[in-house]
C-alpha atoms as a PDB file:
ATOM      1  CA  UNK A   1       1.523  22.100   2.999  1.00  0.00           C
ATOM      2  CA  UNK A   2      -0.591  24.688   1.450  1.00  0.00           C
ATOM      3  CA  UNK A   3      -3.274  22.218   0.595  1.00  0.00           C
ATOM      4  CA  UNK A   4      -3.944  21.516   4.304  1.00  0.00           C
ATOM      5  CA  UNK A   5      -4.639  24.939   5.215  1.00  0.00           C
ATOM      6  CA  UNK A   6      -7.780  26.757   4.374  1.00  0.00           C
ATOM      7  CA  UNK A   7      -6.596  26.700   0.820  1.00  0.00           C
ATOM      8  CA  UNK A   8      -9.302  29.236   0.009  1.00  0.00           C
ATOM      9  CA  UNK A   9     -11.324  26.056   0.244  1.00  0.00           C
ATOM     10  CA  UNK A  10     -10.431  25.539  -3.311  1.00  0.00           C
ATOM     11  CA  UNK A  11     -13.660  23.859  -4.414  1.00  0.00           C
ATOM     12  CA  UNK A  12     -15.798  26.567  -2.931  1.00  0.00           C
ATOM     13  CA  UNK A  13     -18.044  24.239  -0.908  1.00  0.00           C
ATOM     14  CA  UNK A  14     -18.982  27.047   1.362  1.00  0.00           C
ATOM     15  CA  UNK A  15     -20.503  28.976  -1.577  1.00  0.00           C
ATOM     16  CA  UNK A  16     -23.019  26.107  -2.245  1.00  0.00           C
ATOM     17  CA  UNK A  17     -26.382  26.248  -0.625  1.00  0.00           C
ATOM     18  CA  UNK A  18     -26.442  22.469   0.257  1.00  0.00           C
ATOM     19  CA  UNK A  19     -30.191  22.661   1.323  1.00  0.00           C
ATOM     20  CA  UNK A  20     -31.004  22.879  -2.406  1.00  0.00           C
ATOM     21  CA  UNK A  21     -29.200  19.616  -3.107  1.00  0.00           C
ATOM     22  CA  UNK A  22     -30.191  17.446  -0.304  1.00  0.00           C
ATOM     23  CA  UNK A  23     -33.226  15.230  -0.057  1.00  0.00           C
ATOM     24  CA  UNK A  24     -34.667  12.039   1.616  1.00  0.00           C
ATOM     25  CA  UNK A  25     -34.803   8.963  -0.235  1.00  0.00           C
ATOM     26  CA  UNK A  26     -36.665   5.758   0.878  1.00  0.00           C
ATOM     27  CA  UNK A  27     -34.485   2.698   0.583  1.00  0.00           C
ATOM     28  CA  UNK A  28     -35.491  -0.744   2.113  1.00  0.00           C
ATOM     29  CA  UNK A  29     -38.101   0.951   4.319  1.00  0.00           C
ATOM     30  CA  UNK A  30     -35.813   3.473   5.719  1.00  0.00           C
ATOM     31  CA  UNK A  31     -34.949   7.149   5.077  1.00  0.00           C
ATOM     32  CA  UNK A  32     -31.541   7.919   3.740  1.00  0.00           C
ATOM     33  CA  UNK A  33     -30.037  11.317   3.505  1.00  0.00           C
ATOM     34  CA  UNK A  34     -28.606  12.016   0.026  1.00  0.00           C
ATOM     35  CA  UNK A  35     -26.960  14.906  -1.520  1.00  0.00           C
ATOM     36  CA  UNK A  36     -26.516  15.433  -5.154  1.00  0.00           C
ATOM     37  CA  UNK A  37     -25.775  17.930  -7.816  1.00  0.00           C
ATOM     38  CA  UNK A  38     -24.579  18.380 -11.448  1.00  0.00           C
ATOM     39  CA  UNK A  39     -25.243  16.142 -14.328  1.00  0.00           C
ATOM     40  CA  UNK A  40     -23.540  13.666 -16.580  1.00  0.00           C
ATOM     41  CA  UNK A  41     -22.020  10.229 -15.766  1.00  0.00           C
ATOM     42  CA  UNK A  42     -22.709   9.145 -12.062  1.00  0.00           C
ATOM     43  CA  UNK A  43     -19.799   9.554  -9.502  1.00  0.00           C
ATOM     44  CA  UNK A  44     -20.650   7.952  -6.268  1.00  0.00           C
ATOM     45  CA  UNK A  45     -19.031   8.991  -3.089  1.00  0.00           C
ATOM     46  CA  UNK A  46     -19.014   6.587  -0.022  1.00  0.00           C
ATOM     47  CA  UNK A  47     -17.806   7.778   3.297  1.00  0.00           C
ATOM     48  CA  UNK A  48     -16.022   5.699   6.058  1.00  0.00           C
ATOM     49  CA  UNK A  49     -16.558   4.683   9.694  1.00  0.00           C
ATOM     50  CA  UNK A  50     -17.774   7.618  11.846  1.00  0.00           C
ATOM     51  CA  UNK A  51     -18.146   9.651   8.656  1.00  0.00           C
ATOM     52  CA  UNK A  52     -20.812  11.449   6.700  1.00  0.00           C
ATOM     53  CA  UNK A  53     -21.558  12.889   3.334  1.00  0.00           C
ATOM     54  CA  UNK A  54     -19.612  15.992   4.367  1.00  0.00           C
ATOM     55  CA  UNK A  55     -16.486  13.932   4.063  1.00  0.00           C
ATOM     56  CA  UNK A  56     -16.585  14.761   0.310  1.00  0.00           C
ATOM     57  CA  UNK A  57     -17.421  18.486   0.620  1.00  0.00           C
ATOM     58  CA  UNK A  58     -14.025  19.351  -1.405  1.00  0.00           C
ATOM     59  CA  UNK A  59     -14.933  17.051  -4.114  1.00  0.00           C
ATOM     60  CA  UNK A  60     -18.710  17.385  -4.882  1.00  0.00           C
ATOM     61  CA  UNK A  61     -18.544  21.110  -6.220  1.00  0.00           C
ATOM     62  CA  UNK A  62     -15.314  20.246  -8.093  1.00  0.00           C
ATOM     63  CA  UNK A  63     -16.795  17.355 -10.093  1.00  0.00           C
ATOM     64  CA  UNK A  64     -20.457  18.712 -10.552  1.00  0.00           C
ATOM     65  CA  UNK A  65     -19.446  20.510 -13.661  1.00  0.00           C
ATOM     66  CA  UNK A  66     -18.842  17.181 -15.556  1.00  0.00           C
ATOM     67  CA  UNK A  67     -20.706  14.512 -13.472  1.00  0.00           C
ATOM     68  CA  UNK A  68     -23.767  13.809 -11.552  1.00  0.00           C
ATOM     69  CA  UNK A  69     -22.157  13.601  -8.175  1.00  0.00           C
ATOM     70  CA  UNK A  70     -23.998  11.645  -5.380  1.00  0.00           C
ATOM     71  CA  UNK A  71     -22.916  11.423  -1.770  1.00  0.00           C
ATOM     72  CA  UNK A  72     -25.109   9.738   1.094  1.00  0.00           C
ATOM     73  CA  UNK A  73     -25.097   9.110   4.697  1.00  0.00           C
ATOM     74  CA  UNK A  74     -24.874   5.434   4.955  1.00  0.00           C
ATOM     75  CA  UNK A  75     -27.714   3.871   7.148  1.00  0.00           C
ATOM     76  CA  UNK A  76     -26.942   4.555  10.773  1.00  0.00           C
ATOM     77  CA  UNK A  77     -24.521   7.410  10.138  1.00  0.00           C
ATOM     78  CA  UNK A  78     -25.087  11.219   9.606  1.00  0.00           C
ATOM     79  CA  UNK A  79     -28.701  11.824   9.305  1.00  0.00           C
ATOM     80  CA  UNK A  80     -29.793   8.501   7.841  1.00  0.00           C
ATOM     81  CA  UNK A  81     -31.841   6.162   9.783  1.00  0.00           C
ATOM     82  CA  UNK A  82     -30.540   2.814  10.940  1.00  0.00           C
ATOM     83  CA  UNK A  83     -31.193  -0.202   8.489  1.00  0.00           C
ATOM     84  CA  UNK A  84     -33.988  -2.536   9.335  1.00  0.00           C
ATOM     85  CA  UNK A  85     -31.427  -5.466   9.254  1.00  0.00           C
ATOM     86  CA  UNK A  86     -28.211  -5.796  11.213  1.00  0.00           C
ATOM     87  CA  UNK A  87     -25.339  -3.677   9.862  1.00  0.00           C
ATOM     88  CA  UNK A  88     -23.148  -5.565   7.466  1.00  0.00           C
ATOM     89  CA  UNK A  89     -20.552  -4.606   4.695  1.00  0.00           C
ATOM     90  CA  UNK A  90     -22.381  -6.791   2.115  1.00  0.00           C
ATOM     91  CA  UNK A  91     -25.697  -5.024   3.331  1.00  0.00           C
ATOM     92  CA  UNK A  92     -24.262  -1.633   2.739  1.00  0.00           C
ATOM     93  CA  UNK A  93     -23.262  -2.616  -0.800  1.00  0.00           C
ATOM     94  CA  UNK A  94     -26.680  -3.872  -1.342  1.00  0.00           C
ATOM     95  CA  UNK A  95     -28.113  -0.481  -0.003  1.00  0.00           C
ATOM     96  CA  UNK A  96     -25.808   1.530  -2.539  1.00  0.00           C
ATOM     97  CA  UNK A  97     -27.249  -0.554  -5.335  1.00  0.00           C
ATOM     98  CA  UNK A  98     -30.910   0.046  -4.173  1.00  0.00           C
ATOM     99  CA  UNK A  99     -30.186   3.760  -3.714  1.00  0.00           C
ATOM    100  CA  UNK A 100     -28.857   4.051  -7.271  1.00  0.00           C
ATOM    101  CA  UNK A 101     -32.065   2.337  -8.554  1.00  0.00           C
ATOM    102  CA  UNK A 102     -34.250   4.751  -6.529  1.00  0.00           C
ATOM    103  CA  UNK A 103     -32.267   7.644  -7.869  1.00  0.00           C
ATOM    104  CA  UNK A 104     -32.892   6.358 -11.454  1.00  0.00           C
ATOM    105  CA  UNK A 105     -29.164   5.578 -12.051  1.00  0.00           C
ATOM    106  CA  UNK A 106     -29.570   2.272 -14.016  1.00  0.00           C
ATOM    107  CA  UNK A 107     -26.126   2.174 -15.515  1.00  0.00           C
ATOM    108  CA  UNK A 108     -22.597   1.888 -13.851  1.00  0.00           C
ATOM    109  CA  UNK A 109     -21.269   4.451 -11.605  1.00  0.00           C
ATOM    110  CA  UNK A 110     -17.613   5.522 -10.593  1.00  0.00           C
ATOM    111  CA  UNK A 111     -17.486   4.527  -6.976  1.00  0.00           C
ATOM    112  CA  UNK A 112     -15.105   6.441  -4.800  1.00  0.00           C
ATOM    113  CA  UNK A 113     -14.884   5.242  -1.151  1.00  0.00           C
ATOM    114  CA  UNK A 114     -12.768   6.055   1.849  1.00  0.00           C
ATOM    115  CA  UNK A 115     -11.826   3.677   4.547  1.00  0.00           C
ATOM    116  CA  UNK A 116     -14.900   1.542   5.360  1.00  0.00           C
ATOM    117  CA  UNK A 117     -16.475   3.163   2.240  1.00  0.00           C
ATOM    118  CA  UNK A 118     -13.689   1.868   0.098  1.00  0.00           C
ATOM    119  CA  UNK A 119     -14.361  -1.794   1.242  1.00  0.00           C
ATOM    120  CA  UNK A 120     -18.089  -1.093   0.588  1.00  0.00           C
ATOM    121  CA  UNK A 121     -17.473   0.222  -2.855  1.00  0.00           C
ATOM    122  CA  UNK A 122     -15.301  -2.667  -3.670  1.00  0.00           C
ATOM    123  CA  UNK A 123     -17.805  -5.137  -2.352  1.00  0.00           C
ATOM    124  CA  UNK A 124     -20.441  -3.424  -4.645  1.00  0.00           C
ATOM    125  CA  UNK A 125     -18.009  -4.014  -7.584  1.00  0.00           C
ATOM    126  CA  UNK A 126     -17.542  -7.629  -6.640  1.00  0.00           C
ATOM    127  CA  UNK A 127     -21.173  -8.520  -5.997  1.00  0.00           C
ATOM    128  CA  UNK A 128     -22.600  -6.387  -8.868  1.00  0.00           C
ATOM    129  CA  UNK A 129     -19.905  -5.880 -11.480  1.00  0.00           C
ATOM    130  CA  UNK A 130     -22.402  -4.250 -13.839  1.00  0.00           C
ATOM    131  CA  UNK A 131     -23.008  -1.475 -11.220  1.00  0.00           C
ATOM    132  CA  UNK A 132     -19.429  -0.121 -11.097  1.00  0.00           C
ATOM    133  CA  UNK A 133     -17.447   0.966 -14.138  1.00  0.00           C
ATOM    134  CA  UNK A 134     -14.335   2.286 -12.077  1.00  0.00           C
ATOM    135  CA  UNK A 135     -13.321   2.043  -8.554  1.00  0.00           C
ATOM    136  CA  UNK A 136     -11.351   4.512  -6.380  1.00  0.00           C
ATOM    137  CA  UNK A 137     -10.001   3.179  -3.045  1.00  0.00           C
ATOM    138  CA  UNK A 138      -9.018   5.769  -0.636  1.00  0.00           C
ATOM    139  CA  UNK A 139      -7.211   4.380   2.360  1.00  0.00           C
ATOM    140  CA  UNK A 140      -9.687   1.393   2.070  1.00  0.00           C
ATOM    141  CA  UNK A 141     -10.461  -1.079   4.692  1.00  0.00           C
ATOM    142  CA  UNK A 142     -10.759  -4.845   3.668  1.00  0.00           C
ATOM    143  CA  UNK A 143      -7.362  -6.640   3.520  1.00  0.00           C
ATOM    144  CA  UNK A 144      -6.118  -6.547   7.255  1.00  0.00           C
ATOM    145  CA  UNK A 145      -9.271  -5.168   9.093  1.00  0.00           C
ATOM    146  CA  UNK A 146     -10.174  -8.654  10.581  1.00  0.00           C
ATOM    147  CA  UNK A 147      -7.005  -8.458  12.630  1.00  0.00           C
ATOM    148  CA  UNK A 148      -7.727  -4.944  14.031  1.00  0.00           C
ATOM    149  CA  UNK A 149      -9.764  -5.896  16.884  1.00  0.00           C
ATOM    150  CA  UNK A 150      -6.240  -6.842  18.587  1.00  0.00           C
ATOM    151  CA  UNK A 151      -4.880  -3.564  17.957  1.00  0.00           C
ATOM    152  CA  UNK A 152      -5.276  -0.364  20.123  1.00  0.00           C
ATOM    153  CA  UNK A 153      -6.777   1.368  17.130  1.00  0.00           C
ATOM    154  CA  UNK A 154     -10.168  -0.062  17.812  1.00  0.00           C
ATOM    155  CA  UNK A 155     -10.151   1.327  21.277  1.00  0.00           C
ATOM    156  CA  UNK A 156      -9.090   4.593  20.079  1.00  0.00           C
ATOM    157  CA  UNK A 157     -11.740   4.428  17.304  1.00  0.00           C
ATOM    158  CA  UNK A 158     -14.495   3.896  19.934  1.00  0.00           C
ATOM    159  CA  UNK A 159     -13.282   6.750  21.898  1.00  0.00           C
ATOM    160  CA  UNK A 160     -13.099   8.960  18.779  1.00  0.00           C
ATOM    161  CA  UNK A 161     -16.591   8.195  17.967  1.00  0.00           C
ATOM    162  CA  UNK A 162     -17.978   9.383  21.366  1.00  0.00           C
ATOM    163  CA  UNK A 163     -15.600  12.443  21.577  1.00  0.00           C
ATOM    164  CA  UNK A 164     -16.579  13.561  18.127  1.00  0.00           C
ATOM    165  CA  UNK A 165     -20.241  13.384  18.985  1.00  0.00           C
ATOM    166  CA  UNK A 166     -19.589  15.235  22.187  1.00  0.00           C
ATOM    167  CA  UNK A 167     -17.639  17.924  20.197  1.00  0.00           C
ATOM    168  CA  UNK A 168     -20.332  18.281  17.597  1.00  0.00           C
ATOM    169  CA  UNK A 169     -23.099  18.787  20.108  1.00  0.00           C
ATOM    170  CA  UNK A 170     -21.196  21.806  21.537  1.00  0.00           C
ATOM    171  CA  UNK A 171     -21.271  23.836  18.238  1.00  0.00           C
ATOM    172  CA  UNK A 172     -18.678  25.376  16.070  1.00  0.00           C
ATOM    173  CA  UNK A 173     -16.473  26.868  18.730  1.00  0.00           C
ATOM    174  CA  UNK A 174     -15.307  23.406  19.488  1.00  0.00           C
ATOM    175  CA  UNK A 175     -13.909  23.046  16.051  1.00  0.00           C
ATOM    176  CA  UNK A 176     -12.198  26.462  16.058  1.00  0.00           C
ATOM    177  CA  UNK A 177      -9.889  25.323  18.960  1.00  0.00           C
ATOM    178  CA  UNK A 178      -6.823  23.790  17.382  1.00  0.00           C
ATOM    179  CA  UNK A 179      -6.137  21.439  20.371  1.00  0.00           C
ATOM    180  CA  UNK A 180      -9.667  20.146  20.538  1.00  0.00           C
ATOM    181  CA  UNK A 181      -9.586  19.729  16.729  1.00  0.00           C
ATOM    182  CA  UNK A 182      -6.561  17.659  17.121  1.00  0.00           C
ATOM    183  CA  UNK A 183      -8.001  15.520  19.942  1.00  0.00           C
ATOM    184  CA  UNK A 184     -11.081  14.736  17.710  1.00  0.00           C
ATOM    185  CA  UNK A 185      -9.392  14.253  14.360  1.00  0.00           C
ATOM    186  CA  UNK A 186      -5.841  13.049  15.034  1.00  0.00           C
ATOM    187  CA  UNK A 187      -6.547   9.402  14.128  1.00  0.00           C
ATOM    188  CA  UNK A 188      -7.877  10.562  10.726  1.00  0.00           C
ATOM    189  CA  UNK A 189      -6.104  13.560   9.776  1.00  0.00           C
ATOM    190  CA  UNK A 190      -2.268  13.883   9.925  1.00  0.00           C
ATOM    191  CA  UNK A 191      -2.301  17.551  10.918  1.00  0.00           C
ATOM    192  CA  UNK A 192      -5.946  18.504  11.887  1.00  0.00           C
ATOM    193  CA  UNK A 193      -5.021  22.018  12.919  1.00  0.00           C
ATOM    194  CA  UNK A 194      -4.520  22.600   9.100  1.00  0.00           C
ATOM    195  CA  UNK A 195      -8.131  22.099   8.286  1.00  0.00           C
ATOM    196  CA  UNK A 196     -10.247  25.046   8.503  1.00  0.00           C
ATOM    197  CA  UNK A 197     -12.503  25.285  11.353  1.00  0.00           C
ATOM    198  CA  UNK A 198     -15.571  25.313   9.270  1.00  0.00           C
ATOM    199  CA  UNK A 199     -14.563  22.121   7.524  1.00  0.00           C
ATOM    200  CA  UNK A 200     -13.568  20.344  10.802  1.00  0.00           C
ATOM    201  CA  UNK A 201     -17.000  21.252  12.289  1.00  0.00           C
ATOM    202  CA  UNK A 202     -18.926  19.822   9.260  1.00  0.00           C
ATOM    203  CA  UNK A 203     -16.944  16.564   9.699  1.00  0.00           C
ATOM    204  CA  UNK A 204     -17.787  16.464  13.338  1.00  0.00           C
ATOM    205  CA  UNK A 205     -21.354  17.229  12.882  1.00  0.00           C
ATOM    206  CA  UNK A 206     -22.204  14.005  11.239  1.00  0.00           C
ATOM    207  CA  UNK A 207     -20.223  11.733  13.251  1.00  0.00           C
ATOM    208  CA  UNK A 208     -20.843   9.661  16.572  1.00  0.00           C
ATOM    209  CA  UNK A 209     -24.147   8.183  15.314  1.00  0.00           C
ATOM    210  CA  UNK A 210     -25.796   4.966  16.325  1.00  0.00           C
ATOM    211  CA  UNK A 211     -24.478   2.828  13.517  1.00  0.00           C
ATOM    212  CA  UNK A 212     -20.859   3.336  14.676  1.00  0.00           C
ATOM    213  CA  UNK A 213     -20.490   0.388  16.989  1.00  0.00           C
ATOM    214  CA  UNK A 214     -22.233  -2.233  14.939  1.00  0.00           C
ATOM    215  CA  UNK A 215     -20.561  -1.056  11.763  1.00  0.00           C
ATOM    216  CA  UNK A 216     -17.167  -1.310  13.597  1.00  0.00           C
ATOM    217  CA  UNK A 217     -17.919  -4.794  14.722  1.00  0.00           C
ATOM    218  CA  UNK A 218     -19.052  -5.751  11.025  1.00  0.00           C
ATOM    219  CA  UNK A 219     -16.030  -4.047   9.648  1.00  0.00           C
ATOM    220  CA  UNK A 220     -13.402  -5.967  11.747  1.00  0.00           C
ATOM    221  CA  UNK A 221     -15.096  -9.277  10.899  1.00  0.00           C
ATOM    222  CA  UNK A 222     -14.953  -8.757   7.162  1.00  0.00           C
ATOM    223  CA  UNK A 223     -12.284  -9.251   4.661  1.00  0.00           C
ATOM    224  CA  UNK A 224     -12.061  -8.856   0.747  1.00  0.00           C
ATOM    225  CA  UNK A 225      -8.564 -10.160   0.432  1.00  0.00           C
ATOM    226  CA  UNK A 226      -9.488 -13.562  -1.122  1.00  0.00           C
ATOM    227  CA  UNK A 227     -11.838 -12.017  -3.669  1.00  0.00           C
ATOM    228  CA  UNK A 228     -10.000  -9.002  -4.711  1.00  0.00           C
ATOM    229  CA  UNK A 229      -8.348 -10.742  -7.773  1.00  0.00           C
ATOM    230  CA  UNK A 230     -11.872 -10.973  -9.178  1.00  0.00           C
ATOM    231  CA  UNK A 231     -12.173  -7.265  -9.545  1.00  0.00           C
ATOM    232  CA  UNK A 232     -12.547  -6.410 -13.293  1.00  0.00           C
ATOM    233  CA  UNK A 233     -12.961  -2.763 -13.215  1.00  0.00           C
ATOM    234  CA  UNK A 234     -10.044  -0.246 -13.515  1.00  0.00           C
ATOM    235  CA  UNK A 235      -8.997   0.681 -10.004  1.00  0.00           C
ATOM    236  CA  UNK A 236      -7.062   3.633  -8.545  1.00  0.00           C
ATOM    237  CA  UNK A 237      -5.708   3.409  -5.013  1.00  0.00           C
ATOM    238  CA  UNK A 238      -5.032   6.538  -3.109  1.00  0.00           C
ATOM    239  CA  UNK A 239      -3.265   6.448   0.394  1.00  0.00           C
ATOM    240  CA  UNK A 240      -1.618   8.686   2.931  1.00  0.00           C
ATOM    241  CA  UNK A 241       1.973   7.808   3.823  1.00  0.00           C
ATOM    242  CA  UNK A 242       1.182   8.874   7.503  1.00  0.00           C
ATOM    243  CA  UNK A 243      -2.175   7.029   7.912  1.00  0.00           C
ATOM    244  CA  UNK A 244      -2.527   5.905  11.350  1.00  0.00           C
ATOM    245  CA  UNK A 245      -5.826   4.216  10.926  1.00  0.00           C
ATOM    246  CA  UNK A 246      -5.211   1.695   8.054  1.00  0.00           C
ATOM    247  CA  UNK A 247      -1.477   1.005   7.517  1.00  0.00           C
ATOM    248  CA  UNK A 248       0.017   2.219   4.226  1.00  0.00           C
ATOM    249  CA  UNK A 249       1.230  -1.426   3.598  1.00  0.00           C
ATOM    250  CA  UNK A 250      -2.346  -2.193   2.718  1.00  0.00           C
ATOM    251  CA  UNK A 251      -1.987  -0.145  -0.395  1.00  0.00           C
ATOM    252  CA  UNK A 252       0.594  -2.443  -1.523  1.00  0.00           C
ATOM    253  CA  UNK A 253      -1.657  -5.445  -0.789  1.00  0.00           C
ATOM    254  CA  UNK A 254      -4.514  -3.856  -2.773  1.00  0.00           C
ATOM    255  CA  UNK A 255      -2.287  -3.182  -5.846  1.00  0.00           C
ATOM    256  CA  UNK A 256      -0.925  -6.576  -5.660  1.00  0.00           C
ATOM    257  CA  UNK A 257      -4.224  -8.335  -5.422  1.00  0.00           C
ATOM    258  CA  UNK A 258      -6.401  -6.197  -7.901  1.00  0.00           C
ATOM    259  CA  UNK A 259      -5.569  -6.919 -11.517  1.00  0.00           C
ATOM    260  CA  UNK A 260      -4.209  -3.722 -13.221  1.00  0.00           C
ATOM    261  CA  UNK A 261      -4.694  -1.654  -9.988  1.00  0.00           C
ATOM    262  CA  UNK A 262      -2.503   1.592  -9.834  1.00  0.00           C
ATOM    263  CA  UNK A 263      -1.613   3.098  -6.333  1.00  0.00           C
ATOM    264  CA  UNK A 264      -0.520   6.744  -5.339  1.00  0.00           C
ATOM    265  CA  UNK A 265       0.985   7.507  -1.887  1.00  0.00           C
ATOM    266  CA  UNK A 266       0.728  10.987  -0.758  1.00  0.00           C
ATOM    267  CA  UNK A 267       3.478  12.295   1.603  1.00  0.00           C
ATOM    268  CA  UNK A 268       2.557  14.077   4.839  1.00  0.00           C
ATOM    269  CA  UNK A 269      -0.970  12.899   4.689  1.00  0.00           C
ATOM    270  CA  UNK A 270      -3.313  10.767   6.882  1.00  0.00           C
ATOM    271  CA  UNK A 271      -6.381   8.669   6.611  1.00  0.00           C
ATOM    272  CA  UNK A 272      -8.481  11.139   4.582  1.00  0.00           C
ATOM    273  CA  UNK A 273      -6.341  12.343   1.502  1.00  0.00           C
ATOM    274  CA  UNK A 274      -9.435  13.951  -0.253  1.00  0.00           C
ATOM    275  CA  UNK A 275      -9.684  16.381   2.749  1.00  0.00           C
ATOM    276  CA  UNK A 276      -5.971  16.849   3.510  1.00  0.00           C
ATOM    277  CA  UNK A 277      -4.679  17.097  -0.134  1.00  0.00           C
ATOM    278  CA  UNK A 278      -7.889  18.104  -2.060  1.00  0.00           C
ATOM    279  CA  UNK A 279      -6.124  19.700  -5.025  1.00  0.00           C
ATOM    280  CA  UNK A 280      -3.894  16.720  -5.505  1.00  0.00           C
ATOM    281  CA  UNK A 281      -6.552  14.182  -4.865  1.00  0.00           C
ATOM    282  CA  UNK A 282      -9.041  15.910  -7.247  1.00  0.00           C
ATOM    283  CA  UNK A 283      -6.376  16.006 -10.044  1.00  0.00           C
ATOM    284  CA  UNK A 284      -5.715  12.369  -9.533  1.00  0.00           C
ATOM    285  CA  UNK A 285      -9.364  11.588  -9.703  1.00  0.00           C
ATOM    286  CA  UNK A 286      -9.865  13.882 -12.864  1.00  0.00           C
ATOM    287  CA  UNK A 287      -6.998  12.049 -14.758  1.00  0.00           C
ATOM    288  CA  UNK A 288      -8.405   8.633 -13.724  1.00  0.00           C
ATOM    289  CA  UNK A 289     -11.821   9.472 -15.157  1.00  0.00           C
ATOM    290  CA  UNK A 290     -10.311  10.573 -18.322  1.00  0.00           C
ATOM    291  CA  UNK A 291      -8.304   7.573 -18.929  1.00  0.00           C
END
């Protein structure tokens, strides 16, 4: 319970001047908004549908002491431009590879992805196994998403994207109101009112962008299920038991299909465990990195 409150924002993200760590990187003829800090082995964070780099605010400062942490707004999300070509999951994986090269990261990275970002991170590991040394799938899409179009979730997701954009445009007071915070974040966060208003606002501010609908279409037409047994890197699966967006049974499927994968299910947690249970999530990730 305590983790989902302000929890003193345990990773002190509000103490960081993020302007010092943000920059524009030109990838495939388009500008991408990238945030990075720290030094050491590269740790790449990939947000999900309707997300932004701020989805990892509670991880970036926590790992910057030991790693070069990198988070990016995927093309069409946050502040990044739309890609030149139609959005696709394989295209996003190629973008991450090109971004790493542009940043001078030639060796493998530890890729951590949430929801759609988990699918993209897994796609990167499958397409370019030399690029990913370890993989962390956080409530990842990719094993049952092609059937989601028949579920009410997709309609709700479309509404969520537009409502989030509407709320973000009305400044931080929107995020301070618990009922409105629940309206916007209820499909992602199990108990949105327990997120701090400041953190909720950061999540809303990068959402509702032009890439949402085309990425949603690409996501629901893509499955990794048949290729997952080819994954050769160590893989950690983290899921919320109360996930309303991607069913927790998918965690079992990922664990069964990926050789040697290990899963952890967090109780009383929704679709974004890294935000709802930051201390637990960060401890799991630190242990996994040390193994």
